[in-house]
Amino acid sequence: MQMYRIHRFSKLTGLSTHVIRAWERRYGLVTPVRGANRYRLYNDEDVRLFRYLKSQVDQGTSIGELAEIGREKILEQVQREFVAVPAEPPPSDRLIGELVQALQENDRAIFERKLNGALAVIPFEEALYRFLLPLQEQVGQLWHDGRIGIGQEHYSSNQIKQKIYSAMNQLRMVEEGPRVVVACPAQEWHEISAMTAAYLCAARGCRVHYLGANLPIPELAKYCDQIQPTYVLLSMSIDRSEAEAKNIVQELATQVRPIAPVGVGGLSAQTHAALFSDENIMVFPDLKSLDALVFSLTH
């Protein structure tokens, strides 16, 4: 999980460092770790918590009343409201435009400096919605329209995948909680959506087994039979014929669903949603609906 020193934490939450220290000292709602240099370090969960506290205090609730509820129950409420309210931070259009321009000009230094700079000041999950996923979508469309080459598309995709991998590796390891398997079926090499789903599941307290791209369904079934997951998620974004989709549905229904419930997301899954629904395989139209499922698994 991304870590922030107190001055950056202050900017992210809209609270002064004085108020942060006072709430920390008086109410014990956050216990920052100490870095090697003894600086306080806060994580993304702390950011969500303190943003919520500030919003409630601004509406007239006292911090003392909120503190009596307790950290864990407040975080549950934060997550419940996140799932219920379809409000996502708007895309950072200017930043996306600058990144696309750097990509078109093959200016690696500017692309990576701007990308890394933005990630340094925005909680990772917010960054996903504000510019990482919108950037990937725009780059894919530019490649489809012939305005950038496949090499440029691969470069951008790999940069985004590296960021998601890094963020996942910073999440704390959980020893309990629902076990979720995430993968892409055979011939599916575009794994950013699957990686995003894996990150969100892990950030919500799931034990995630991320199996990556191009995994045949029979091999997925063998793996699931060994670990007995709580849920299985597949990302399907490439165009598939109805016959191909039917084959995947049949394999999932007969080999994987007897082991665990299955959900699918992505453009191809939505195109053939009726086929999946007929076999009691859930289709996720967006990340918000996936988050609602994960919330139900972890609470």
C-alpha atoms as a PDB file:
ATOM      1  CA  MET A   1       0.000   0.000   0.000  1.00  0.00           C
ATOM      2  CA  GLN A   2       1.255   3.475  -0.844  1.00  0.00           C
ATOM      3  CA  MET A   3       2.784   5.273   2.161  1.00  0.00           C
ATOM      4  CA  TYR A   4       2.678   9.022   2.779  1.00  0.00           C
ATOM      5  CA  ARG A   5       4.539  11.347   5.106  1.00  0.00           C
ATOM      6  CA  ILE A   6       2.374  13.690   7.149  1.00  0.00           C
ATOM      7  CA  HIS A   7       2.624  16.756   4.892  1.00  0.00           C
ATOM      8  CA  ARG A   8       1.476  14.778   1.849  1.00  0.00           C
ATOM      9  CA  PHE A   9      -1.160  13.056   3.980  1.00  0.00           C
ATOM     10  CA  SER A  10      -2.366  16.527   4.968  1.00  0.00           C
ATOM     11  CA  LYS A  11      -2.791  17.531   1.304  1.00  0.00           C
ATOM     12  CA  LEU A  12      -4.601  14.301   0.458  1.00  0.00           C
ATOM     13  CA  THR A  13      -7.085  14.597   3.335  1.00  0.00           C
ATOM     14  CA  GLY A  14      -7.581  18.368   3.461  1.00  0.00           C
ATOM     15  CA  LEU A  15      -6.690  18.423   7.154  1.00  0.00           C
ATOM     16  CA  SER A  16      -3.873  20.415   8.730  1.00  0.00           C
ATOM     17  CA  THR A  17      -0.952  18.540  10.230  1.00  0.00           C
ATOM     18  CA  HIS A  18      -1.973  19.993  13.611  1.00  0.00           C
ATOM     19  CA  VAL A  19      -5.455  18.454  13.367  1.00  0.00           C
ATOM     20  CA  ILE A  20      -4.057  15.132  12.133  1.00  0.00           C
ATOM     21  CA  ARG A  21      -1.692  14.869  15.087  1.00  0.00           C
ATOM     22  CA  ALA A  22      -4.433  15.912  17.530  1.00  0.00           C
ATOM     23  CA  TRP A  23      -6.921  13.326  16.243  1.00  0.00           C
ATOM     24  CA  GLU A  24      -4.204  10.694  16.213  1.00  0.00           C
ATOM     25  CA  ARG A  25      -3.184  11.470  19.787  1.00  0.00           C
ATOM     26  CA  ARG A  26      -6.635  11.921  21.320  1.00  0.00           C
ATOM     27  CA  TYR A  27      -8.746   9.335  19.531  1.00  0.00           C
ATOM     28  CA  GLY A  28      -6.356   6.610  18.335  1.00  0.00           C
ATOM     29  CA  LEU A  29      -8.118   6.185  14.993  1.00  0.00           C
ATOM     30  CA  VAL A  30      -4.837   5.882  13.168  1.00  0.00           C
ATOM     31  CA  THR A  31      -1.460   4.481  14.154  1.00  0.00           C
ATOM     32  CA  PRO A  32       1.103   5.524  11.550  1.00  0.00           C
ATOM     33  CA  VAL A  33       4.162   3.383  11.128  1.00  0.00           C
ATOM     34  CA  ARG A  34       7.569   4.926  11.532  1.00  0.00           C
ATOM     35  CA  GLY A  35      10.030   4.938   8.669  1.00  0.00           C
ATOM     36  CA  ALA A  36      13.746   4.393   9.067  1.00  0.00           C
ATOM     37  CA  ASN A  37      14.134   8.131   9.577  1.00  0.00           C
ATOM     38  CA  ARG A  38      11.350   8.135  12.231  1.00  0.00           C
ATOM     39  CA  TYR A  39       8.890  10.040  10.043  1.00  0.00           C
ATOM     40  CA  ARG A  40       5.217   9.148  10.438  1.00  0.00           C
ATOM     41  CA  LEU A  41       3.955   7.139   7.441  1.00  0.00           C
ATOM     42  CA  TYR A  42       0.250   6.809   6.568  1.00  0.00           C
ATOM     43  CA  ASN A  43      -1.386   4.478   4.035  1.00  0.00           C
ATOM     44  CA  ASP A  44      -4.318   4.649   1.580  1.00  0.00           C
ATOM     45  CA  GLU A  45      -6.712   3.227   4.162  1.00  0.00           C
ATOM     46  CA  ASP A  46      -5.779   6.056   6.515  1.00  0.00           C
ATOM     47  CA  VAL A  47      -6.437   8.546   3.692  1.00  0.00           C
ATOM     48  CA  ARG A  48      -9.930   7.140   3.104  1.00  0.00           C
ATOM     49  CA  LEU A  49     -10.642   7.175   6.828  1.00  0.00           C
ATOM     50  CA  PHE A  50      -9.527  10.768   7.444  1.00  0.00           C
ATOM     51  CA  ARG A  51     -11.251  12.081   4.306  1.00  0.00           C
ATOM     52  CA  TYR A  52     -14.473  10.549   5.586  1.00  0.00           C
ATOM     53  CA  LEU A  53     -13.942  11.956   9.085  1.00  0.00           C
ATOM     54  CA  LYS A  54     -13.389  15.423   7.642  1.00  0.00           C
ATOM     55  CA  SER A  55     -16.560  15.183   5.515  1.00  0.00           C
ATOM     56  CA  GLN A  56     -18.612  14.190   8.562  1.00  0.00           C
ATOM     57  CA  VAL A  57     -17.116  16.897  10.783  1.00  0.00           C
ATOM     58  CA  ASP A  58     -17.787  19.457   8.050  1.00  0.00           C
ATOM     59  CA  GLN A  59     -21.455  18.368   8.158  1.00  0.00           C
ATOM     60  CA  GLY A  60     -21.660  18.932  11.918  1.00  0.00           C
ATOM     61  CA  THR A  61     -20.774  15.585  13.509  1.00  0.00           C
ATOM     62  CA  SER A  62     -18.231  15.881  16.289  1.00  0.00           C
ATOM     63  CA  ILE A  63     -14.968  14.000  16.017  1.00  0.00           C
ATOM     64  CA  GLY A  64     -15.631  12.598  19.496  1.00  0.00           C
ATOM     65  CA  GLU A  65     -18.866  10.960  18.322  1.00  0.00           C
ATOM     66  CA  LEU A  66     -17.100   9.489  15.311  1.00  0.00           C
ATOM     67  CA  ALA A  67     -14.223   8.182  17.411  1.00  0.00           C
ATOM     68  CA  GLU A  68     -16.681   6.272  19.613  1.00  0.00           C
ATOM     69  CA  ILE A  69     -17.788   4.276  16.559  1.00  0.00           C
ATOM     70  CA  GLY A  70     -14.256   2.903  16.108  1.00  0.00           C
ATOM     71  CA  ARG A  71     -11.892   2.675  13.170  1.00  0.00           C
ATOM     72  CA  GLU A  72     -13.062  -0.643  11.718  1.00  0.00           C
ATOM     73  CA  LYS A  73     -16.759   0.214  11.753  1.00  0.00           C
ATOM     74  CA  ILE A  74     -16.051   3.611  10.209  1.00  0.00           C
ATOM     75  CA  LEU A  75     -14.027   1.986   7.423  1.00  0.00           C
ATOM     76  CA  GLU A  76     -16.905  -0.431   6.791  1.00  0.00           C
ATOM     77  CA  GLN A  77     -19.214   2.561   6.454  1.00  0.00           C
ATOM     78  CA  VAL A  78     -16.771   4.262   4.085  1.00  0.00           C
ATOM     79  CA  GLN A  79     -16.689   1.172   1.890  1.00  0.00           C
ATOM     80  CA  ARG A  80     -20.462   0.739   2.050  1.00  0.00           C
ATOM     81  CA  GLU A  81     -21.000   4.299   0.872  1.00  0.00           C
ATOM     82  CA  PHE A  82     -18.374   3.890  -1.848  1.00  0.00           C
ATOM     83  CA  VAL A  83     -20.286   0.893  -3.181  1.00  0.00           C
ATOM     84  CA  ALA A  84     -23.711   2.514  -2.874  1.00  0.00           C
ATOM     85  CA  VAL A  85     -22.912   5.873  -4.440  1.00  0.00           C
ATOM     86  CA  PRO A  86     -21.837   5.736  -8.114  1.00  0.00           C
ATOM     87  CA  ALA A  87     -19.543   8.743  -7.716  1.00  0.00           C
ATOM     88  CA  GLU A  88     -16.032   8.277  -9.028  1.00  0.00           C
ATOM     89  CA  PRO A  89     -13.395  10.970  -9.282  1.00  0.00           C
ATOM     90  CA  PRO A  90     -13.468  12.583 -12.721  1.00  0.00           C
ATOM     91  CA  PRO A  91     -10.729  11.615 -15.171  1.00  0.00           C
ATOM     92  CA  SER A  92      -7.697  13.883 -15.086  1.00  0.00           C
ATOM     93  CA  ASP A  93      -8.117  14.971 -18.705  1.00  0.00           C
ATOM     94  CA  ARG A  94      -5.152  17.331 -18.784  1.00  0.00           C
ATOM     95  CA  LEU A  95      -2.748  14.753 -17.387  1.00  0.00           C
ATOM     96  CA  ILE A  96      -4.074  12.073 -19.752  1.00  0.00           C
ATOM     97  CA  GLY A  97      -3.598  14.449 -22.684  1.00  0.00           C
ATOM     98  CA  GLU A  98      -0.010  15.170 -21.661  1.00  0.00           C
ATOM     99  CA  LEU A  99       0.744  11.462 -21.279  1.00  0.00           C
ATOM    100  CA  VAL A 100      -0.756  10.676 -24.682  1.00  0.00           C
ATOM    101  CA  GLN A 101       1.268  13.462 -26.296  1.00  0.00           C
ATOM    102  CA  ALA A 102       4.477  12.165 -24.716  1.00  0.00           C
ATOM    103  CA  LEU A 103       3.597   8.678 -25.924  1.00  0.00           C
ATOM    104  CA  GLN A 104       2.973   9.866 -29.483  1.00  0.00           C
ATOM    105  CA  GLU A 105       6.295  11.713 -29.447  1.00  0.00           C
ATOM    106  CA  ASN A 106       8.077   8.676 -27.958  1.00  0.00           C
ATOM    107  CA  ASP A 107       9.281  10.865 -25.092  1.00  0.00           C
ATOM    108  CA  ARG A 108       9.866   8.235 -22.433  1.00  0.00           C
ATOM    109  CA  ALA A 109      11.345  10.691 -19.916  1.00  0.00           C
ATOM    110  CA  ILE A 110       8.321  13.008 -19.904  1.00  0.00           C
ATOM    111  CA  PHE A 111       5.824  10.114 -19.931  1.00  0.00           C
ATOM    112  CA  GLU A 112       7.362   8.398 -16.925  1.00  0.00           C
ATOM    113  CA  ARG A 113       8.067  11.617 -15.021  1.00  0.00           C
ATOM    114  CA  LYS A 114       4.462  12.794 -15.329  1.00  0.00           C
ATOM    115  CA  LEU A 115       3.043   9.349 -14.578  1.00  0.00           C
ATOM    116  CA  ASN A 116       5.238   8.807 -11.542  1.00  0.00           C
ATOM    117  CA  GLY A 117       4.679  12.348 -10.327  1.00  0.00           C
ATOM    118  CA  ALA A 118       0.907  11.963 -10.400  1.00  0.00           C
ATOM    119  CA  LEU A 119       1.061   8.621  -8.598  1.00  0.00           C
ATOM    120  CA  ALA A 120       3.193  10.164  -5.872  1.00  0.00           C
ATOM    121  CA  VAL A 121       0.468  12.580  -4.776  1.00  0.00           C
ATOM    122  CA  ILE A 122      -2.769  10.635  -5.348  1.00  0.00           C
ATOM    123  CA  PRO A 123      -3.886   7.490  -3.485  1.00  0.00           C
ATOM    124  CA  PHE A 124      -3.445   4.574  -5.847  1.00  0.00           C
ATOM    125  CA  GLU A 125      -7.075   3.511  -6.021  1.00  0.00           C
ATOM    126  CA  GLU A 126      -8.101   7.060  -6.908  1.00  0.00           C
ATOM    127  CA  ALA A 127      -5.335   7.154  -9.515  1.00  0.00           C
ATOM    128  CA  LEU A 128      -6.793   4.033 -11.130  1.00  0.00           C
ATOM    129  CA  TYR A 129     -10.089   5.764 -11.788  1.00  0.00           C
ATOM    130  CA  ARG A 130      -8.732   9.228 -12.520  1.00  0.00           C
ATOM    131  CA  PHE A 131      -6.040   8.471 -15.068  1.00  0.00           C
ATOM    132  CA  LEU A 132      -4.583   4.953 -15.242  1.00  0.00           C
ATOM    133  CA  LEU A 133      -7.656   3.164 -16.617  1.00  0.00           C
ATOM    134  CA  PRO A 134      -8.852   6.144 -18.722  1.00  0.00           C
ATOM    135  CA  LEU A 135      -5.332   6.398 -20.175  1.00  0.00           C
ATOM    136  CA  GLN A 136      -5.333   2.726 -21.114  1.00  0.00           C
ATOM    137  CA  GLU A 137      -8.738   3.075 -22.760  1.00  0.00           C
ATOM    138  CA  GLN A 138      -7.647   6.119 -24.761  1.00  0.00           C
ATOM    139  CA  VAL A 139      -4.379   4.527 -25.839  1.00  0.00           C
ATOM    140  CA  GLY A 140      -6.258   1.424 -26.991  1.00  0.00           C
ATOM    141  CA  GLN A 141      -8.576   3.574 -29.077  1.00  0.00           C
ATOM    142  CA  LEU A 142      -5.613   5.479 -30.593  1.00  0.00           C
ATOM    143  CA  TRP A 143      -4.021   2.180 -31.597  1.00  0.00           C
ATOM    144  CA  HIS A 144      -7.318   0.958 -33.051  1.00  0.00           C
ATOM    145  CA  ASP A 145      -7.574   4.185 -35.077  1.00  0.00           C
ATOM    146  CA  GLY A 146      -4.007   3.811 -36.371  1.00  0.00           C
ATOM    147  CA  ARG A 147      -2.741   6.948 -34.615  1.00  0.00           C
ATOM    148  CA  ILE A 148      -0.101   5.132 -32.564  1.00  0.00           C
ATOM    149  CA  GLY A 149       1.826   1.930 -33.190  1.00  0.00           C
ATOM    150  CA  ILE A 150       1.554  -1.374 -31.393  1.00  0.00           C
ATOM    151  CA  GLY A 151       4.935  -0.734 -29.775  1.00  0.00           C
ATOM    152  CA  GLN A 152       3.681   2.481 -28.189  1.00  0.00           C
ATOM    153  CA  GLU A 153       0.529   0.711 -26.994  1.00  0.00           C
ATOM    154  CA  HIS A 154       2.603  -2.073 -25.445  1.00  0.00           C
ATOM    155  CA  TYR A 155       4.903   0.436 -23.749  1.00  0.00           C
ATOM    156  CA  SER A 156       1.984   2.289 -22.157  1.00  0.00           C
ATOM    157  CA  SER A 157       0.267  -0.946 -21.111  1.00  0.00           C
ATOM    158  CA  ASN A 158       3.432  -2.279 -19.509  1.00  0.00           C
ATOM    159  CA  GLN A 159       3.935   0.941 -17.583  1.00  0.00           C
ATOM    160  CA  ILE A 160       0.401   0.688 -16.192  1.00  0.00           C
ATOM    161  CA  LYS A 161       0.807  -3.004 -15.370  1.00  0.00           C
ATOM    162  CA  GLN A 162       4.023  -2.258 -13.502  1.00  0.00           C
ATOM    163  CA  LYS A 163       2.195   0.316 -11.370  1.00  0.00           C
ATOM    164  CA  ILE A 164      -0.599  -2.108 -10.510  1.00  0.00           C
ATOM    165  CA  TYR A 165       1.867  -4.885  -9.674  1.00  0.00           C
ATOM    166  CA  SER A 166       3.801  -2.500  -7.455  1.00  0.00           C
ATOM    167  CA  ALA A 167       0.659  -1.376  -5.644  1.00  0.00           C
ATOM    168  CA  MET A 168      -0.447  -4.982  -5.115  1.00  0.00           C
ATOM    169  CA  ASN A 169       2.934  -5.902  -3.677  1.00  0.00           C
ATOM    170  CA  GLN A 170       2.633  -3.092  -1.131  1.00  0.00           C
ATOM    171  CA  LEU A 171      -0.679  -4.384   0.237  1.00  0.00           C
ATOM    172  CA  ARG A 172      -0.442  -6.190   3.522  1.00  0.00           C
ATOM    173  CA  MET A 173      -0.681  -9.968   3.306  1.00  0.00           C
ATOM    174  CA  VAL A 174      -3.896 -11.350   4.805  1.00  0.00           C
ATOM    175  CA  GLU A 175      -4.092 -14.837   6.286  1.00  0.00           C
ATOM    176  CA  GLU A 176      -7.868 -14.994   6.516  1.00  0.00           C
ATOM    177  CA  GLY A 177     -10.701 -13.763   4.333  1.00  0.00           C
ATOM    178  CA  PRO A 178     -12.313 -14.958   1.106  1.00  0.00           C
ATOM    179  CA  ARG A 179      -9.996 -16.653  -1.378  1.00  0.00           C
ATOM    180  CA  VAL A 180     -10.451 -15.206  -4.886  1.00  0.00           C
ATOM    181  CA  VAL A 181      -8.885 -16.513  -8.108  1.00  0.00           C
ATOM    182  CA  VAL A 182      -8.456 -13.985 -10.936  1.00  0.00           C
ATOM    183  CA  ALA A 183      -7.376 -14.877 -14.479  1.00  0.00           C
ATOM    184  CA  CYS A 184      -7.910 -14.364 -18.218  1.00  0.00           C
ATOM    185  CA  PRO A 185      -9.020 -17.276 -20.426  1.00  0.00           C
ATOM    186  CA  ALA A 186      -7.021 -18.712 -23.338  1.00  0.00           C
ATOM    187  CA  GLN A 187      -5.997 -16.248 -26.062  1.00  0.00           C
ATOM    188  CA  GLU A 188      -6.726 -13.325 -23.731  1.00  0.00           C
ATOM    189  CA  TRP A 189      -3.499 -11.330 -23.359  1.00  0.00           C
ATOM    190  CA  HIS A 190      -4.936  -7.984 -22.253  1.00  0.00           C
ATOM    191  CA  GLU A 191      -4.743  -8.353 -18.500  1.00  0.00           C
ATOM    192  CA  ILE A 192      -4.958  -4.816 -17.106  1.00  0.00           C
ATOM    193  CA  SER A 193      -8.641  -5.237 -16.228  1.00  0.00           C
ATOM    194  CA  ALA A 194      -7.895  -8.546 -14.514  1.00  0.00           C
ATOM    195  CA  MET A 195      -5.007  -6.988 -12.607  1.00  0.00           C
ATOM    196  CA  THR A 196      -7.254  -4.122 -11.529  1.00  0.00           C
ATOM    197  CA  ALA A 197      -9.845  -6.597 -10.256  1.00  0.00           C
ATOM    198  CA  ALA A 198      -7.115  -8.478  -8.393  1.00  0.00           C
ATOM    199  CA  TYR A 199      -5.875  -5.260  -6.797  1.00  0.00           C
ATOM    200  CA  LEU A 200      -9.359  -4.207  -5.660  1.00  0.00           C
ATOM    201  CA  CYS A 201     -10.029  -7.649  -4.187  1.00  0.00           C
ATOM    202  CA  ALA A 202      -6.714  -7.649  -2.339  1.00  0.00           C
ATOM    203  CA  ALA A 203      -7.235  -4.084  -1.083  1.00  0.00           C
ATOM    204  CA  ARG A 204     -10.605  -5.167   0.390  1.00  0.00           C
ATOM    205  CA  GLY A 205      -9.058  -8.019   2.375  1.00  0.00           C
ATOM    206  CA  CYS A 206      -9.352 -10.969  -0.005  1.00  0.00           C
ATOM    207  CA  ARG A 207      -6.652 -13.590  -0.414  1.00  0.00           C
ATOM    208  CA  VAL A 208      -6.035 -13.184  -4.125  1.00  0.00           C
ATOM    209  CA  HIS A 209      -4.530 -15.793  -6.433  1.00  0.00           C
ATOM    210  CA  TYR A 210      -3.718 -13.887  -9.616  1.00  0.00           C
ATOM    211  CA  LEU A 211      -3.051 -16.332 -12.471  1.00  0.00           C
ATOM    212  CA  GLY A 212      -2.602 -13.828 -15.291  1.00  0.00           C
ATOM    213  CA  ALA A 213      -3.271 -14.019 -19.017  1.00  0.00           C
ATOM    214  CA  ASN A 214      -3.989 -16.853 -21.448  1.00  0.00           C
ATOM    215  CA  LEU A 215      -5.090 -19.555 -19.021  1.00  0.00           C
ATOM    216  CA  PRO A 216      -7.165 -22.416 -20.523  1.00  0.00           C
ATOM    217  CA  ILE A 217     -10.338 -23.095 -18.561  1.00  0.00           C
ATOM    218  CA  PRO A 218      -9.426 -26.770 -17.841  1.00  0.00           C
ATOM    219  CA  GLU A 219      -6.179 -25.577 -16.208  1.00  0.00           C
ATOM    220  CA  LEU A 220      -8.104 -22.962 -14.241  1.00  0.00           C
ATOM    221  CA  ALA A 221     -10.431 -25.720 -13.046  1.00  0.00           C
ATOM    222  CA  LYS A 222      -7.500 -27.869 -11.900  1.00  0.00           C
ATOM    223  CA  TYR A 223      -6.067 -24.981  -9.914  1.00  0.00           C
ATOM    224  CA  CYS A 224      -9.424 -24.174  -8.335  1.00  0.00           C
ATOM    225  CA  ASP A 225      -9.957 -27.803  -7.400  1.00  0.00           C
ATOM    226  CA  GLN A 226      -6.696 -27.663  -5.448  1.00  0.00           C
ATOM    227  CA  ILE A 227      -7.316 -24.436  -3.501  1.00  0.00           C
ATOM    228  CA  GLN A 228     -11.156 -24.364  -3.303  1.00  0.00           C
ATOM    229  CA  PRO A 229     -11.649 -20.603  -3.770  1.00  0.00           C
ATOM    230  CA  THR A 230     -14.567 -18.564  -2.519  1.00  0.00           C
ATOM    231  CA  TYR A 231     -14.998 -16.937  -5.923  1.00  0.00           C
ATOM    232  CA  VAL A 232     -13.474 -17.025  -9.411  1.00  0.00           C
ATOM    233  CA  LEU A 233     -13.160 -13.931 -11.618  1.00  0.00           C
ATOM    234  CA  LEU A 234     -12.337 -13.848 -15.323  1.00  0.00           C
ATOM    235  CA  SER A 235     -11.587 -10.870 -17.557  1.00  0.00           C
ATOM    236  CA  MET A 236     -12.629 -11.162 -21.221  1.00  0.00           C
ATOM    237  CA  SER A 237     -11.970  -8.135 -23.411  1.00  0.00           C
ATOM    238  CA  ILE A 238     -11.176  -9.444 -26.910  1.00  0.00           C
ATOM    239  CA  ASP A 239     -13.882  -9.963 -29.527  1.00  0.00           C
ATOM    240  CA  ARG A 240     -15.118 -13.553 -29.606  1.00  0.00           C
ATOM    241  CA  SER A 241     -17.651 -15.242 -31.809  1.00  0.00           C
ATOM    242  CA  GLU A 242     -20.814 -16.630 -30.262  1.00  0.00           C
ATOM    243  CA  ALA A 243     -19.475 -20.144 -30.773  1.00  0.00           C
ATOM    244  CA  GLU A 244     -16.250 -19.276 -28.902  1.00  0.00           C
ATOM    245  CA  ALA A 245     -18.219 -17.642 -26.108  1.00  0.00           C
ATOM    246  CA  LYS A 246     -20.516 -20.669 -25.831  1.00  0.00           C
ATOM    247  CA  ASN A 247     -17.502 -22.941 -25.501  1.00  0.00           C
ATOM    248  CA  ILE A 248     -16.072 -20.831 -22.672  1.00  0.00           C
ATOM    249  CA  VAL A 249     -19.442 -20.700 -20.943  1.00  0.00           C
ATOM    250  CA  GLN A 250     -19.820 -24.469 -21.195  1.00  0.00           C
ATOM    251  CA  GLU A 251     -16.336 -25.108 -19.816  1.00  0.00           C
ATOM    252  CA  LEU A 252     -16.910 -22.703 -16.926  1.00  0.00           C
ATOM    253  CA  ALA A 253     -20.336 -24.165 -16.160  1.00  0.00           C
ATOM    254  CA  THR A 254     -19.172 -27.783 -16.135  1.00  0.00           C
ATOM    255  CA  GLN A 255     -15.618 -27.501 -14.788  1.00  0.00           C
ATOM    256  CA  VAL A 256     -15.289 -24.385 -12.609  1.00  0.00           C
ATOM    257  CA  ARG A 257     -18.751 -23.436 -11.318  1.00  0.00           C
ATOM    258  CA  PRO A 258     -19.197 -26.769  -9.486  1.00  0.00           C
ATOM    259  CA  ILE A 259     -16.160 -25.718  -7.424  1.00  0.00           C
ATOM    260  CA  ALA A 260     -16.954 -22.034  -6.817  1.00  0.00           C
ATOM    261  CA  PRO A 261     -19.198 -19.202  -8.066  1.00  0.00           C
ATOM    262  CA  VAL A 262     -17.877 -17.524 -11.222  1.00  0.00           C
ATOM    263  CA  GLY A 263     -18.023 -13.937 -12.410  1.00  0.00           C
ATOM    264  CA  VAL A 264     -16.816 -12.429 -15.692  1.00  0.00           C
ATOM    265  CA  GLY A 265     -16.121  -8.889 -16.828  1.00  0.00           C
ATOM    266  CA  GLY A 266     -14.920  -7.096 -19.933  1.00  0.00           C
ATOM    267  CA  LEU A 267     -16.330  -6.169 -23.331  1.00  0.00           C
ATOM    268  CA  SER A 268     -16.636  -9.750 -24.583  1.00  0.00           C
ATOM    269  CA  ALA A 269     -18.408 -10.832 -21.401  1.00  0.00           C
ATOM    270  CA  GLN A 270     -20.924  -8.018 -21.780  1.00  0.00           C
ATOM    271  CA  THR A 271     -21.463  -8.792 -25.474  1.00  0.00           C
ATOM    272  CA  HIS A 272     -22.420 -12.376 -24.606  1.00  0.00           C
ATOM    273  CA  ALA A 273     -23.977 -11.595 -21.220  1.00  0.00           C
ATOM    274  CA  ALA A 274     -27.098 -13.678 -21.883  1.00  0.00           C
ATOM    275  CA  LEU A 275     -25.027 -16.833 -22.450  1.00  0.00           C
ATOM    276  CA  PHE A 276     -23.272 -16.401 -19.109  1.00  0.00           C
ATOM    277  CA  SER A 277     -26.429 -15.467 -17.215  1.00  0.00           C
ATOM    278  CA  ASP A 278     -28.178 -18.592 -18.480  1.00  0.00           C
ATOM    279  CA  GLU A 279     -25.545 -20.661 -16.680  1.00  0.00           C
ATOM    280  CA  ASN A 280     -25.676 -18.589 -13.464  1.00  0.00           C
ATOM    281  CA  ILE A 281     -22.354 -16.912 -14.189  1.00  0.00           C
ATOM    282  CA  MET A 282     -22.420 -13.304 -13.040  1.00  0.00           C
ATOM    283  CA  VAL A 283     -21.467 -10.584 -15.532  1.00  0.00           C
ATOM    284  CA  PHE A 284     -19.942  -7.408 -14.093  1.00  0.00           C
ATOM    285  CA  PRO A 285     -20.661  -4.324 -16.222  1.00  0.00           C
ATOM    286  CA  ASP A 286     -18.113  -2.194 -14.346  1.00  0.00           C
ATOM    287  CA  LEU A 287     -15.748  -2.064 -11.389  1.00  0.00           C
ATOM    288  CA  LYS A 288     -18.443  -0.626  -9.145  1.00  0.00           C
ATOM    289  CA  SER A 289     -20.516  -3.790  -9.479  1.00  0.00           C
ATOM    290  CA  LEU A 290     -17.415  -5.888  -8.801  1.00  0.00           C
ATOM    291  CA  ASP A 291     -16.712  -3.842  -5.687  1.00  0.00           C
ATOM    292  CA  ALA A 292     -20.245  -4.511  -4.468  1.00  0.00           C
ATOM    293  CA  LEU A 293     -19.625  -8.259  -4.778  1.00  0.00           C
ATOM    294  CA  VAL A 294     -16.293  -8.050  -2.967  1.00  0.00           C
ATOM    295  CA  PHE A 295     -17.949  -6.054  -0.193  1.00  0.00           C
ATOM    296  CA  SER A 296     -20.542  -8.811   0.205  1.00  0.00           C
ATOM    297  CA  LEU A 297     -17.785 -11.436   0.387  1.00  0.00           C
ATOM    298  CA  THR A 298     -15.791  -9.627   3.063  1.00  0.00           C
ATOM    299  CA  HIS A 299     -18.650  -8.500   5.349  1.00  0.00           C
END
